[in-house]
Protein backbone atom coordinates (compact mmCIF):
# COMPACT_ATOMS: atom_id res chain seq x y z
CA UNK A 1 108.21 45.87 86.11
CA UNK A 2 107.95 49.18 85.20
CA UNK A 3 107.94 51.92 83.10
CA UNK A 4 110.74 53.98 83.36
CA UNK A 5 109.86 57.83 83.83
CA UNK A 6 112.37 61.24 83.25
CA UNK A 7 110.46 63.03 85.14
CA UNK A 8 111.15 66.44 87.22
CA UNK A 9 111.38 66.95 91.73
CA UNK A 10 107.75 68.80 91.08
CA UNK A 11 105.95 66.05 88.66
CA UNK A 12 103.35 63.16 90.60
CA UNK A 13 105.07 59.88 90.40
CA UNK A 14 104.07 57.13 88.05
CA UNK A 15 102.49 53.89 89.75
CA UNK A 16 104.30 51.04 88.05
CA UNK A 17 102.71 49.83 84.94
CA UNK A 18 102.80 45.94 86.12
CA UNK A 19 101.45 43.29 84.17
CA UNK A 20 98.99 42.33 86.13
CA UNK A 21 97.13 45.83 87.37
CA UNK A 22 94.05 47.10 85.53
CA UNK A 23 93.64 51.11 85.81
CA UNK A 24 91.23 53.12 86.93
CA UNK A 25 90.30 55.62 85.03
CA UNK A 26 90.35 58.64 86.72
CA UNK A 27 93.05 57.86 88.22
CA UNK A 28 95.48 55.49 86.46
CA UNK A 29 95.72 54.13 89.34
CA UNK A 30 95.59 49.86 91.02
CA UNK A 31 91.41 49.16 91.23
CA UNK A 32 92.53 45.06 91.56
CA UNK A 33 95.89 42.41 90.36
CA UNK A 34 95.36 39.59 89.27
CA UNK A 35 96.89 36.31 91.61
CA UNK A 36 100.42 36.33 91.76
CA UNK A 37 100.48 38.92 90.07
CA UNK A 38 104.82 38.82 89.43
CA UNK A 39 105.11 40.54 86.40
CA UNK A 40 105.64 38.82 83.80
CA UNK A 41 109.67 38.02 81.93
CA UNK A 42 109.97 39.42 78.44
CA UNK A 43 110.53 36.89 75.86
CA UNK A 44 112.62 37.48 73.59
CA UNK A 45 110.61 37.33 70.95
CA UNK A 46 108.26 39.88 72.15
CA UNK A 47 109.36 43.78 72.02
CA UNK A 48 111.21 45.51 74.76
CA UNK A 49 109.23 47.23 76.73
CA UNK A 50 105.82 47.38 74.72
CA UNK A 51 103.52 48.04 76.61
CA UNK A 52 100.12 47.63 75.08
CA UNK A 53 96.53 49.53 75.63
CA UNK A 54 93.17 47.07 76.38
CA UNK A 55 90.31 48.39 76.22
CA UNK A 56 86.97 46.08 76.77
CA UNK A 57 83.82 47.06 78.49
CA UNK A 58 83.16 42.98 78.87
CA UNK A 59 85.24 42.47 82.05
CA UNK A 60 85.65 38.54 80.28
CA UNK A 61 86.25 39.75 77.32
CA UNK A 62 89.53 42.61 79.09
CA UNK A 63 90.37 39.40 81.50
CA UNK A 64 91.04 37.06 78.16
CA UNK A 65 92.44 39.47 76.29
CA UNK A 66 94.74 40.73 79.27
CA UNK A 67 95.72 36.78 80.01
CA UNK A 68 96.69 36.38 76.00
CA UNK A 69 99.28 39.33 76.16
CA UNK A 70 100.87 38.92 79.65
CA UNK A 71 101.35 35.32 78.24
CA UNK A 72 102.89 36.31 75.32
CA UNK A 73 105.55 38.38 78.03
CA UNK A 74 103.52 41.76 77.24
CA UNK A 75 102.65 44.94 79.95
CA UNK A 76 99.08 45.47 79.68
CA UNK A 77 97.69 48.08 80.84
CA UNK A 78 93.20 46.82 81.22
CA UNK A 79 90.71 50.04 81.06
CA UNK A 80 86.83 48.95 81.76
CA UNK A 81 86.10 52.38 79.33
CA UNK A 82 87.40 55.00 77.00
CA UNK A 83 87.48 57.35 80.36
CA UNK A 84 90.75 58.17 80.97
CA UNK A 85 92.68 56.30 77.93
CA UNK A 86 94.29 59.34 77.05
CA UNK A 87 95.90 60.09 79.59
CA UNK A 88 96.92 55.73 80.26
CA UNK A 89 98.54 56.20 76.61
CA UNK A 90 100.51 59.05 77.17
CA UNK A 91 101.85 58.15 80.73
CA UNK A 92 102.56 54.94 79.81
CA UNK A 93 103.92 56.04 76.53
CA UNK A 94 101.25 53.08 74.97
CA UNK A 95 102.74 51.75 71.70
CA UNK A 96 99.57 49.55 70.92
CA UNK A 97 95.77 50.08 71.73
CA UNK A 98 92.93 46.95 71.60
CA UNK A 99 89.84 48.81 71.07
CA UNK A 100 86.98 47.24 71.42
CA UNK A 101 84.50 48.35 68.16
CA UNK A 102 80.64 48.11 70.45
CA UNK A 103 81.32 49.23 74.32
CA UNK A 104 78.01 51.88 75.41
CA UNK A 105 79.73 55.21 75.68
CA UNK A 106 81.43 55.25 72.46
CA UNK A 107 82.05 53.03 69.62
CA UNK A 108 85.79 51.74 69.31
CA UNK A 109 85.87 53.66 65.37
CA UNK A 110 84.01 56.66 67.21
CA UNK A 111 87.49 56.26 69.81
CA UNK A 112 89.84 55.77 66.66
CA UNK A 113 88.69 58.14 65.01
CA UNK A 114 88.45 61.32 67.55
CA UNK A 115 92.64 58.99 67.78
CA UNK A 116 93.45 60.23 64.54
CA UNK A 117 92.56 63.71 64.64
CA UNK A 118 94.94 64.23 67.82
CA UNK A 119 98.27 65.27 66.76
CA UNK A 120 99.90 63.20 70.58
CA UNK A 121 97.70 59.92 69.77
CA UNK A 122 97.44 60.49 65.64
CA UNK A 123 100.63 57.60 64.90
CA UNK A 124 98.63 55.21 67.52
CA UNK A 125 99.29 51.71 66.42
CA UNK A 126 95.50 50.40 66.97
CA UNK A 127 93.84 46.77 67.01
CA UNK A 128 89.76 46.75 66.28
CA UNK A 129 88.20 43.59 67.62
CA UNK A 130 84.96 42.80 67.72
CA UNK A 131 82.84 38.96 68.42
CA UNK A 132 81.96 39.94 65.23
CA UNK A 133 83.95 38.57 61.77
CA UNK A 134 87.07 39.76 60.08
CA UNK A 135 85.30 39.99 57.55
CA UNK A 136 82.93 42.68 59.05
CA UNK A 137 85.40 44.36 60.31
CA UNK A 138 87.95 44.44 57.23
CA UNK A 139 85.42 46.75 56.04
CA UNK A 140 84.81 48.73 59.46
CA UNK A 141 88.86 48.87 58.92
CA UNK A 142 88.91 50.23 55.71
CA UNK A 143 85.87 53.47 56.90
CA UNK A 144 88.95 54.31 59.93
CA UNK A 145 92.09 53.54 59.45
CA UNK A 146 92.47 51.20 62.73
CA UNK A 147 96.20 49.07 61.56
CA UNK A 148 94.03 46.11 62.47
CA UNK A 149 91.13 44.02 62.89
CA UNK A 150 90.82 40.93 64.76
CA UNK A 151 87.26 38.96 66.47
CA UNK A 152 87.03 37.66 69.32
CA UNK A 153 87.24 34.61 68.25
CA UNK A 154 90.95 34.32 66.73
CA UNK A 155 92.38 35.34 70.36
CA UNK A 156 95.54 33.59 69.25
CA UNK A 157 96.46 35.98 66.52
CA UNK A 158 96.74 38.49 69.22
CA UNK A 159 100.36 38.21 70.00
CA UNK A 160 102.04 38.45 66.31
CA UNK A 161 99.35 40.67 66.00
CA UNK A 162 100.26 43.35 67.97
CA UNK A 163 104.73 42.00 68.23
CA UNK A 164 104.24 43.42 64.72
CA UNK A 165 102.64 46.95 64.94
CA UNK A 166 104.56 47.77 67.76
CA UNK A 167 107.69 47.56 66.11
CA UNK A 168 106.19 49.18 63.10
CA UNK A 169 107.33 52.60 63.08
CA UNK A 170 104.65 55.50 62.63
């Protein structure tokens, strides 16, 4: 599945946004593909062409979140760290970011604060995610203006949450 581009002849071609591709933080080039990487078809209940960026330093969590979203029909771009996130968001016109709170390079809530201060990224819908309880996350949500929070224990709620945020006018 590829993201349509309106590029000028001088611009560099964009790699396709494959639902089973993880992007390299620096270049946006594919790092790995899941077996049988046929793009998932978008069901009628998922917003068409709604790329979602997942940023989580845990490979297991990142893959599980990506799998849950792909199975719901979303295009998924996944990064192991915030490095390259701005480039990926702009290049693929991401509207929703699922962001782990506890990462070694920068905490997710601090990254969200930087997004909100950036004119190009301030309107992103951001879901803060952690293994902590949602009660603990709700306090953090109020402090940093996250659009939503989700405990990793409740990934079954993620597709509906992403669908709602992707359809939201910002």
